[in-house]
C-alpha atoms as a PDB file:
ATOM      1  CA  MET A   1      21.450  26.142 -29.811  1.00  0.00           C
ATOM      2  CA  PRO A   2      21.396  23.089 -27.527  1.00  0.00           C
ATOM      3  CA  THR A   3      24.317  22.858 -25.135  1.00  0.00           C
ATOM      4  CA  SER A   4      26.519  19.782 -24.696  1.00  0.00           C
ATOM      5  CA  THR A   5      24.815  19.117 -21.343  1.00  0.00           C
ATOM      6  CA  SER A   6      21.312  19.283 -22.822  1.00  0.00           C
ATOM      7  CA  ARG A   7      22.320  16.965 -25.678  1.00  0.00           C
ATOM      8  CA  LYS A   8      23.716  14.432 -23.204  1.00  0.00           C
ATOM      9  CA  SER A   9      20.555  14.680 -21.110  1.00  0.00           C
ATOM     10  CA  GLY A  10      18.386  14.142 -24.176  1.00  0.00           C
ATOM     11  CA  ASN A  11      20.488  11.176 -25.287  1.00  0.00           C
ATOM     12  CA  GLY A  12      20.209   9.702 -21.793  1.00  0.00           C
ATOM     13  CA  ARG A  13      16.421   9.920 -21.868  1.00  0.00           C
ATOM     14  CA  LEU A  14      16.304   8.318 -25.304  1.00  0.00           C
ATOM     15  CA  ARG A  15      18.602   5.536 -24.134  1.00  0.00           C
ATOM     16  CA  ARG A  16      16.457   4.838 -21.053  1.00  0.00           C
ATOM     17  CA  ARG A  17      13.306   4.832 -23.187  1.00  0.00           C
ATOM     18  CA  TYR A  18      14.946   2.433 -25.648  1.00  0.00           C
ATOM     19  CA  LEU A  19      16.039   0.050 -22.888  1.00  0.00           C
ATOM     20  CA  ALA A  20      12.597   0.202 -21.255  1.00  0.00           C
ATOM     21  CA  ARG A  21      10.980  -0.722 -24.566  1.00  0.00           C
ATOM     22  CA  ARG A  22      13.395  -3.626 -25.003  1.00  0.00           C
ATOM     23  CA  LEU A  23      12.390  -4.922 -21.566  1.00  0.00           C
ATOM     24  CA  GLU A  24       8.705  -4.667 -22.502  1.00  0.00           C
ATOM     25  CA  ILE A  25       9.407  -6.673 -25.658  1.00  0.00           C
ATOM     26  CA  VAL A  26      11.392  -9.258 -23.688  1.00  0.00           C
ATOM     27  CA  ARG A  27       8.505  -9.741 -21.243  1.00  0.00           C
ATOM     28  CA  ALA A  28       6.048 -10.165 -24.115  1.00  0.00           C
ATOM     29  CA  ALA A  29       8.430 -12.593 -25.828  1.00  0.00           C
ATOM     30  CA  GLY A  30       9.048 -14.543 -22.617  1.00  0.00           C
ATOM     31  CA  ASN A  31       5.317 -15.059 -22.218  1.00  0.00           C
ATOM     32  CA  GLU A  32       5.021 -16.263 -25.823  1.00  0.00           C
ATOM     33  CA  PHE A  33       7.958 -18.638 -25.363  1.00  0.00           C
ATOM     34  CA  ARG A  34       6.247 -20.180 -22.340  1.00  0.00           C
ATOM     35  CA  LEU A  35       2.868 -20.490 -24.057  1.00  0.00           C
ATOM     36  CA  ARG A  36       3.949 -21.635 -27.532  1.00  0.00           C
ATOM     37  CA  GLY A  37       7.465 -22.953 -27.063  1.00  0.00           C
ATOM     38  CA  PHE A  38      10.617 -21.281 -28.364  1.00  0.00           C
ATOM     39  CA  ALA A  39      10.765 -23.129 -31.699  1.00  0.00           C
ATOM     40  CA  GLU A  40       7.093 -22.430 -32.479  1.00  0.00           C
ATOM     41  CA  THR A  41       7.249 -18.706 -31.642  1.00  0.00           C
ATOM     42  CA  GLY A  42       7.991 -16.380 -34.530  1.00  0.00           C
ATOM     43  CA  MET A  43       8.982 -12.739 -34.623  1.00  0.00           C
ATOM     44  CA  ARG A  44       5.478 -11.866 -35.851  1.00  0.00           C
ATOM     45  CA  ASP A  45       4.012 -13.524 -32.754  1.00  0.00           C
ATOM     46  CA  ILE A  46       6.357 -11.511 -30.542  1.00  0.00           C
ATOM     47  CA  ALA A  47       5.586  -8.282 -32.404  1.00  0.00           C
ATOM     48  CA  ALA A  48       1.837  -8.827 -31.957  1.00  0.00           C
ATOM     49  CA  ALA A  49       2.263  -9.593 -28.244  1.00  0.00           C
ATOM     50  CA  ALA A  50       4.369  -6.438 -27.790  1.00  0.00           C
ATOM     51  CA  ASP A  51       1.914  -4.319 -29.811  1.00  0.00           C
ATOM     52  CA  LEU A  52       4.525  -3.532 -32.460  1.00  0.00           C
ATOM     53  CA  SER A  53       4.736  -3.972 -36.191  1.00  0.00           C
ATOM     54  CA  PRO A  54       7.222  -6.695 -37.269  1.00  0.00           C
ATOM     55  CA  ALA A  55       9.345  -4.018 -38.956  1.00  0.00           C
ATOM     56  CA  ASN A  56       9.466  -1.939 -35.765  1.00  0.00           C
ATOM     57  CA  LEU A  57      10.387  -4.993 -33.682  1.00  0.00           C
ATOM     58  CA  TYR A  58      13.582  -5.368 -35.738  1.00  0.00           C
ATOM     59  CA  ASN A  59      14.633  -1.895 -34.591  1.00  0.00           C
ATOM     60  CA  TYR A  60      15.055  -3.427 -31.121  1.00  0.00           C
ATOM     61  CA  PHE A  61      16.104  -7.037 -31.780  1.00  0.00           C
ATOM     62  CA  ARG A  62      17.489  -8.765 -34.867  1.00  0.00           C
ATOM     63  CA  GLY A  63      15.859 -12.091 -34.067  1.00  0.00           C
ATOM     64  CA  LYS A  64      14.385 -14.274 -31.349  1.00  0.00           C
ATOM     65  CA  ASN A  65      17.806 -15.695 -30.415  1.00  0.00           C
ATOM     66  CA  GLU A  66      18.882 -12.174 -29.514  1.00  0.00           C
ATOM     67  CA  ILE A  67      15.699 -11.726 -27.460  1.00  0.00           C
ATOM     68  CA  LEU A  68      16.314 -14.934 -25.525  1.00  0.00           C
ATOM     69  CA  PHE A  69      19.958 -13.957 -25.005  1.00  0.00           C
ATOM     70  CA  PHE A  70      18.773 -10.652 -23.563  1.00  0.00           C
ATOM     71  CA  CYS A  71      16.346 -12.566 -21.275  1.00  0.00           C
ATOM     72  CA  GLN A  72      19.172 -14.642 -19.870  1.00  0.00           C
ATOM     73  CA  ASP A  73      21.622 -11.768 -19.652  1.00  0.00           C
ATOM     74  CA  VAL A  74      19.185  -9.530 -17.747  1.00  0.00           C
ATOM     75  CA  SER A  75      18.311 -12.367 -15.352  1.00  0.00           C
ATOM     76  CA  LEU A  76      21.969 -13.066 -14.631  1.00  0.00           C
ATOM     77  CA  ASP A  77      22.591  -9.372 -13.996  1.00  0.00           C
ATOM     78  CA  ARG A  78      19.800  -9.420 -11.402  1.00  0.00           C
ATOM     79  CA  LEU A  79      21.224 -12.500  -9.727  1.00  0.00           C
ATOM     80  CA  LEU A  80      24.704 -10.966  -9.619  1.00  0.00           C
ATOM     81  CA  ALA A  81      23.310  -7.726  -8.190  1.00  0.00           C
ATOM     82  CA  ALA A  82      21.563  -9.649  -5.393  1.00  0.00           C
ATOM     83  CA  LEU A  83      24.772 -11.596  -4.729  1.00  0.00           C
ATOM     84  CA  GLU A  84      26.751  -8.368  -4.418  1.00  0.00           C
ATOM     85  CA  GLN A  85      24.134  -6.949  -2.053  1.00  0.00           C
ATOM     86  CA  ALA A  86      24.405 -10.080   0.108  1.00  0.00           C
ATOM     87  CA  ARG A  87      28.204  -9.834   0.205  1.00  0.00           C
ATOM     88  CA  ARG A  88      28.012  -6.284   1.548  1.00  0.00           C
ATOM     89  CA  LEU A  89      25.587  -7.058   4.365  1.00  0.00           C
ATOM     90  CA  ARG A  90      27.015  -7.109   7.877  1.00  0.00           C
ATOM     91  CA  CYS A  91      25.259 -10.231   9.043  1.00  0.00           C
ATOM     92  CA  SER A  92      25.600 -13.982   9.416  1.00  0.00           C
ATOM     93  CA  ALA A  93      26.474 -16.317   6.550  1.00  0.00           C
ATOM     94  CA  ALA A  94      22.979 -17.810   6.831  1.00  0.00           C
ATOM     95  CA  ALA A  95      21.397 -14.385   6.362  1.00  0.00           C
ATOM     96  CA  ARG A  96      23.539 -13.724   3.281  1.00  0.00           C
ATOM     97  CA  VAL A  97      22.614 -17.065   1.726  1.00  0.00           C
ATOM     98  CA  HIS A  98      18.967 -16.470   2.667  1.00  0.00           C
ATOM     99  CA  LEU A  99      18.976 -13.197   0.742  1.00  0.00           C
ATOM    100  CA  VAL A 100      20.548 -14.843  -2.305  1.00  0.00           C
ATOM    101  CA  ILE A 101      18.058 -17.726  -2.302  1.00  0.00           C
ATOM    102  CA  VAL A 102      14.995 -15.492  -1.959  1.00  0.00           C
ATOM    103  CA  SER A 103      16.250 -13.078  -4.611  1.00  0.00           C
ATOM    104  CA  HIS A 104      17.029 -15.979  -6.962  1.00  0.00           C
ATOM    105  CA  VAL A 105      13.602 -17.588  -6.654  1.00  0.00           C
ATOM    106  CA  ARG A 106      11.834 -14.260  -7.090  1.00  0.00           C
ATOM    107  CA  CYS A 107      13.887 -13.589 -10.216  1.00  0.00           C
ATOM    108  CA  VAL A 108      12.976 -16.873 -11.894  1.00  0.00           C
ATOM    109  CA  LEU A 109       9.338 -16.920 -10.741  1.00  0.00           C
ATOM    110  CA  ASP A 110       8.279 -13.270 -10.555  1.00  0.00           C
ATOM    111  CA  GLU A 111       9.821 -12.159 -13.843  1.00  0.00           C
ATOM    112  CA  ILE A 112       8.641 -13.646 -17.134  1.00  0.00           C
ATOM    113  CA  GLU A 113      12.028 -13.204 -18.765  1.00  0.00           C
ATOM    114  CA  GLY A 114      13.632 -14.940 -15.796  1.00  0.00           C
ATOM    115  CA  ALA A 115      11.400 -17.971 -16.280  1.00  0.00           C
ATOM    116  CA  ALA A 116      12.094 -18.016 -20.013  1.00  0.00           C
ATOM    117  CA  ALA A 117      15.822 -17.829 -19.356  1.00  0.00           C
ATOM    118  CA  HIS A 118      15.734 -20.911 -17.128  1.00  0.00           C
ATOM    119  CA  LEU A 119      13.255 -22.949 -19.166  1.00  0.00           C
ATOM    120  CA  LEU A 120      15.077 -22.453 -22.466  1.00  0.00           C
ATOM    121  CA  THR A 121      18.640 -22.972 -21.362  1.00  0.00           C
ATOM    122  CA  ASN A 122      19.844 -24.887 -24.442  1.00  0.00           C
ATOM    123  CA  ALA A 123      17.943 -23.055 -27.180  1.00  0.00           C
ATOM    124  CA  LEU A 124      20.696 -20.560 -27.987  1.00  0.00           C
ATOM    125  CA  PRO A 125      23.602 -21.106 -30.400  1.00  0.00           C
ATOM    126  CA  ALA A 126      26.853 -22.186 -28.770  1.00  0.00           C
ATOM    127  CA  PRO A 127      28.657 -18.806 -29.137  1.00  0.00           C
ATOM    128  CA  MET A 128      25.841 -17.020 -27.289  1.00  0.00           C
ATOM    129  CA  GLN A 129      25.769 -19.707 -24.610  1.00  0.00           C
ATOM    130  CA  ARG A 130      29.513 -19.368 -24.023  1.00  0.00           C
ATOM    131  CA  THR A 131      29.108 -15.662 -23.312  1.00  0.00           C
ATOM    132  CA  LEU A 132      26.411 -16.354 -20.742  1.00  0.00           C
ATOM    133  CA  VAL A 133      28.289 -19.264 -19.162  1.00  0.00           C
ATOM    134  CA  LEU A 134      31.067 -16.921 -18.036  1.00  0.00           C
ATOM    135  CA  LYS A 135      28.559 -14.760 -16.197  1.00  0.00           C
ATOM    136  CA  ARG A 136      26.689 -17.805 -14.849  1.00  0.00           C
ATOM    137  CA  ASP A 137      29.941 -19.281 -13.521  1.00  0.00           C
ATOM    138  CA  ARG A 138      30.757 -15.983 -11.814  1.00  0.00           C
ATOM    139  CA  TYR A 139      27.444 -16.150  -9.994  1.00  0.00           C
ATOM    140  CA  GLU A 140      27.885 -19.797  -9.020  1.00  0.00           C
ATOM    141  CA  ASP A 141      31.405 -19.107  -7.755  1.00  0.00           C
ATOM    142  CA  GLY A 142      30.063 -16.215  -5.666  1.00  0.00           C
ATOM    143  CA  VAL A 143      27.333 -18.336  -4.070  1.00  0.00           C
ATOM    144  CA  ARG A 144      29.870 -21.088  -3.364  1.00  0.00           C
ATOM    145  CA  GLN A 145      32.158 -18.564  -1.666  1.00  0.00           C
ATOM    146  CA  LEU A 146      29.332 -17.512   0.667  1.00  0.00           C
ATOM    147  CA  ILE A 147      28.951 -21.157   1.678  1.00  0.00           C
ATOM    148  CA  VAL A 148      32.736 -21.613   2.035  1.00  0.00           C
ATOM    149  CA  ASN A 149      32.871 -18.567   4.314  1.00  0.00           C
ATOM    150  CA  GLY A 150      30.094 -20.031   6.458  1.00  0.00           C
ATOM    151  CA  ILE A 151      31.980 -23.328   6.733  1.00  0.00           C
ATOM    152  CA  ARG A 152      35.229 -21.565   7.671  1.00  0.00           C
ATOM    153  CA  SER A 153      33.504 -19.523  10.371  1.00  0.00           C
ATOM    154  CA  GLY A 154      31.945 -22.658  11.859  1.00  0.00           C
ATOM    155  CA  GLU A 155      28.424 -21.430  11.153  1.00  0.00           C
ATOM    156  CA  PHE A 156      27.873 -24.099   8.480  1.00  0.00           C
ATOM    157  CA  VAL A 157      28.690 -27.774   8.871  1.00  0.00           C
ATOM    158  CA  PRO A 158      31.797 -28.990   6.978  1.00  0.00           C
ATOM    159  CA  ARG A 159      30.752 -30.313   3.578  1.00  0.00           C
ATOM    160  CA  ASP A 160      31.639 -30.208  -0.121  1.00  0.00           C
ATOM    161  CA  ALA A 161      30.859 -26.542  -0.867  1.00  0.00           C
ATOM    162  CA  ALA A 162      30.686 -27.052  -4.642  1.00  0.00           C
ATOM    163  CA  LEU A 163      28.190 -29.903  -4.288  1.00  0.00           C
ATOM    164  CA  ALA A 164      26.112 -27.941  -1.767  1.00  0.00           C
ATOM    165  CA  THR A 165      26.042 -24.922  -4.119  1.00  0.00           C
ATOM    166  CA  ARG A 166      24.859 -26.987  -7.074  1.00  0.00           C
ATOM    167  CA  ALA A 167      22.211 -28.690  -4.949  1.00  0.00           C
ATOM    168  CA  VAL A 168      20.865 -25.289  -3.844  1.00  0.00           C
ATOM    169  CA  LEU A 169      20.945 -23.718  -7.314  1.00  0.00           C
ATOM    170  CA  GLY A 170      19.480 -26.826  -8.925  1.00  0.00           C
ATOM    171  CA  ALA A 171      16.525 -26.793  -6.526  1.00  0.00           C
ATOM    172  CA  LEU A 172      15.937 -23.075  -7.094  1.00  0.00           C
ATOM    173  CA  ASN A 173      16.009 -23.285 -10.880  1.00  0.00           C
ATOM    174  CA  TRP A 174      13.784 -26.359 -11.050  1.00  0.00           C
ATOM    175  CA  SER A 175      10.991 -24.424  -9.318  1.00  0.00           C
ATOM    176  CA  VAL A 176      10.174 -22.716 -12.618  1.00  0.00           C
ATOM    177  CA  ARG A 177       9.106 -26.123 -13.986  1.00  0.00           C
ATOM    178  CA  TRP A 178       6.278 -26.634 -11.503  1.00  0.00           C
ATOM    179  CA  PHE A 179       5.385 -23.156 -10.235  1.00  0.00           C
ATOM    180  CA  LYS A 180       1.866 -21.942 -11.041  1.00  0.00           C
ATOM    181  CA  PRO A 181       1.194 -18.205 -10.590  1.00  0.00           C
ATOM    182  CA  ASP A 182      -2.385 -18.992  -9.557  1.00  0.00           C
ATOM    183  CA  GLY A 183      -1.313 -21.700  -7.087  1.00  0.00           C
ATOM    184  CA  ALA A 184      -1.717 -21.746  -3.325  1.00  0.00           C
ATOM    185  CA  LEU A 185       1.611 -20.012  -2.615  1.00  0.00           C
ATOM    186  CA  THR A 186       3.040 -16.813  -4.082  1.00  0.00           C
ATOM    187  CA  ALA A 187       6.550 -16.649  -5.514  1.00  0.00           C
ATOM    188  CA  THR A 188       7.724 -14.771  -2.407  1.00  0.00           C
ATOM    189  CA  GLU A 189       6.225 -17.360  -0.053  1.00  0.00           C
ATOM    190  CA  ILE A 190       7.881 -20.177  -2.010  1.00  0.00           C
ATOM    191  CA  ALA A 191      11.184 -18.276  -1.955  1.00  0.00           C
ATOM    192  CA  GLU A 192      11.037 -17.919   1.827  1.00  0.00           C
ATOM    193  CA  GLU A 193      10.152 -21.582   2.374  1.00  0.00           C
ATOM    194  CA  PHE A 194      12.971 -22.677   0.065  1.00  0.00           C
ATOM    195  CA  ALA A 195      15.422 -20.473   1.947  1.00  0.00           C
ATOM    196  CA  ASP A 196      14.386 -21.864   5.327  1.00  0.00           C
ATOM    197  CA  TYR A 197      14.513 -25.472   4.128  1.00  0.00           C
ATOM    198  CA  LEU A 198      17.821 -25.261   2.260  1.00  0.00           C
ATOM    199  CA  ILE A 199      19.638 -23.290   4.937  1.00  0.00           C
ATOM    200  CA  ARG A 200      18.706 -25.902   7.560  1.00  0.00           C
ATOM    201  CA  GLY A 201      20.879 -28.330   5.597  1.00  0.00           C
ATOM    202  CA  LEU A 202      23.866 -26.000   5.864  1.00  0.00           C
ATOM    203  CA  VAL A 203      23.874 -24.617   9.397  1.00  0.00           C
ATOM    204  CA  ALA A 204      25.659 -26.269  12.285  1.00  0.00           C
ATOM    205  CA  LYS A 205      23.323 -24.720  14.888  1.00  0.00           C
ATOM    206  CA  PRO A 206      19.836 -24.109  13.412  1.00  0.00           C
ATOM    207  CA  GLU A 207      18.602 -22.159  16.448  1.00  0.00           C
ATOM    208  CA  ALA A 208      21.539 -19.760  16.282  1.00  0.00           C
ATOM    209  CA  ALA A 209      20.958 -19.292  12.565  1.00  0.00           C
ATOM    210  CA  ARG A 210      17.298 -18.435  13.166  1.00  0.00           C
ATOM    211  CA  ARG A 211      18.319 -15.839  15.744  1.00  0.00           C
ATOM    212  CA  GLY A 212      20.814 -14.401  13.253  1.00  0.00           C
ATOM    213  CA  LEU A 213      18.157 -14.122  10.557  1.00  0.00           C
ATOM    214  CA  ALA A 214      15.752 -12.449  12.949  1.00  0.00           C
ATOM    215  CA  SER A 215      18.446 -10.013  14.045  1.00  0.00           C
ATOM    216  CA  SER A 216      19.350  -9.195  10.438  1.00  0.00           C
ATOM    217  CA  ALA A 217      15.706  -8.642   9.521  1.00  0.00           C
ATOM    218  CA  ALA A 218      15.255  -6.336  12.510  1.00  0.00           C
ATOM    219  CA  GLY A 219      18.347  -4.385  11.503  1.00  0.00           C
ATOM    220  CA  LYS A 220      17.073  -3.997   7.942  1.00  0.00           C
ATOM    221  CA  ALA A 221      13.705  -2.826   9.226  1.00  0.00           C
ATOM    222  CA  SER A 222      15.401  -0.171  11.347  1.00  0.00           C
ATOM    223  CA  ARG A 223      17.170   1.092   8.226  1.00  0.00           C
ATOM    224  CA  GLY A 224      13.968   1.168   6.186  1.00  0.00           C
ATOM    225  CA  LEU A 225      14.783  -1.963   4.172  1.00  0.00           C
ATOM    226  CA  PRO A 226      12.163  -4.654   3.499  1.00  0.00           C
ATOM    227  CA  ALA A 227      11.522  -7.368   6.068  1.00  0.00           C
ATOM    228  CA  ARG A 228       8.586  -9.745   6.111  1.00  0.00           C
ATOM    229  CA  ALA A 229       5.628  -8.655   8.192  1.00  0.00           C
ATOM    230  CA  GLY A 230       3.922 -11.083  10.541  1.00  0.00           C
ATOM    231  CA  GLY A 231       5.151 -13.574  13.087  1.00  0.00           C
ATOM    232  CA  LYS A 232       8.327 -14.581  11.242  1.00  0.00           C
ATOM    233  CA  ASP A 233      11.268 -12.205  10.909  1.00  0.00           C
ATOM    234  CA  LYS A 234      12.893 -12.991   7.591  1.00  0.00           C
ATOM    235  CA  ILE A 235      14.879 -11.085   5.040  1.00  0.00           C
ATOM    236  CA  LEU A 236      13.159 -10.582   1.701  1.00  0.00           C
ATOM    237  CA  GLY A 237      15.118 -10.411  -1.540  1.00  0.00           C
ATOM    238  CA  ILE A 238      15.911  -6.884  -2.600  1.00  0.00           C
ATOM    239  CA  PHE A 239      15.775  -7.539  -6.331  1.00  0.00           C
ATOM    240  CA  THR A 240      12.611  -8.427  -8.334  1.00  0.00           C
ATOM    241  CA  ALA A 241      14.387  -9.100  -9.023  1.00  0.00           C
ATOM    242  CA  ARG A 242      21.898 -25.450 -16.590  1.00  0.00           C
ATOM    243  CA  GLU A 243      22.237 -30.062 -17.355  1.00  0.00           C
ATOM    244  CA  ALA A 244      25.447 -30.226 -19.359  1.00  0.00           C
ATOM    245  CA  ARG A 245      28.646 -28.326 -18.615  1.00  0.00           C
ATOM    246  CA  THR A 246      27.045 -25.350 -20.394  1.00  0.00           C
ATOM    247  CA  TRP A 247      23.962 -25.100 -18.113  1.00  0.00           C
ATOM    248  CA  ARG A 248      24.474 -27.539 -15.302  1.00  0.00           C
ATOM    249  CA  TRP A 249      22.284 -25.921 -12.600  1.00  0.00           C
END
């Protein structure tokens, strides 16, 4: 007879397989939302894109609102994970903000569900939006605190931290409106350029900030963590990874 340990192991594998399939469906749905529009996309369209029967699709999601909610929830989890990683780094405030910016852009541009989450910010019913707003506000508060810490240390120029945070997040989220995957720059290259440009508006001594970023990148490389190859030493995001009060970014 199966032991308690083997049953738990089997349940864990089934759970991971179920979650992986949900992510596959979300990516297929996110692509359909971008191509057709949320209102015009039906569950049959999503099922066909995910290579599932409509009946089987309902074993994973009860409707397209739930799929879009999952898109936004997963994206916010990735952003929060990158924020937590930045908080734990022993480096300058500029390097922490750089990591957050690059990770954020890569989330919304590299991942289909991330793009869907930011393009379709007001498509969900109010109760679902309220749930996501709490998580979104937690992320915004965390980014603002990184900027506040930089101001307090003298690394960043004194300014309205809330306004600076919204300016940064607004610029990052708007990139999904104009980004073209087949364009001249990759999502990672755009993320790096955004980080460089936006951080220049925060730092009191740009040259010192550049040295801090280079030092942080070198330290990450020595620990086997990703740093950009080539002439520029920059930290890459570790994770691939709204207009009204509800989604004001």
